[in-house]
Amino acid sequence: MWDYLGPVARLLDDMFLVYRYDQRGCGQSTGDGPFTVTQFVADLEALRRALGQETWWVGGHSWGAELALRYALGHPGHVHGVIYVCRTAATMRSVSSACCNGGPTMRPARTRRGWRRPCGTPASG
């Protein structure tokens, strides 16, 4: 029962070629440590290369969403976009801060509350 997102992947099958994998040390993965964010991002990049994808969409749920976002920030030339499902706002603030301090800029995103400003954009008076 560990593969609870199978139904979500099937919903995307007619729009995307969906690749799913078990992260290092999880599910049916046989990978050994280190179990660090840097290693998980490197694993995702190795997967992209092994699959022969020059660019792709990355996405995830919970920790997988965090990993997808960190991968996109580290490899912006290989990412069309991020599908980010159910991660905490505190994490978004920390990633936004990292983005605004020398990382790639984020585009405005539509939210329930309206448009959000990209990093570094002054608020209009």
Foldseek 3Di string as FASTA:
>chain_A
DVPPCPVVVVVCVVPDDDDDDAFAPDDPHPHDDDPDLVVRLVVVVVVCVVVVQQAEEAEDAEVSLLSSLVNCQVCVRRYPYYHHHHYDPVSVVVVLVVCLPPTPKDPWDQDPVGTDHIRPDDDDD
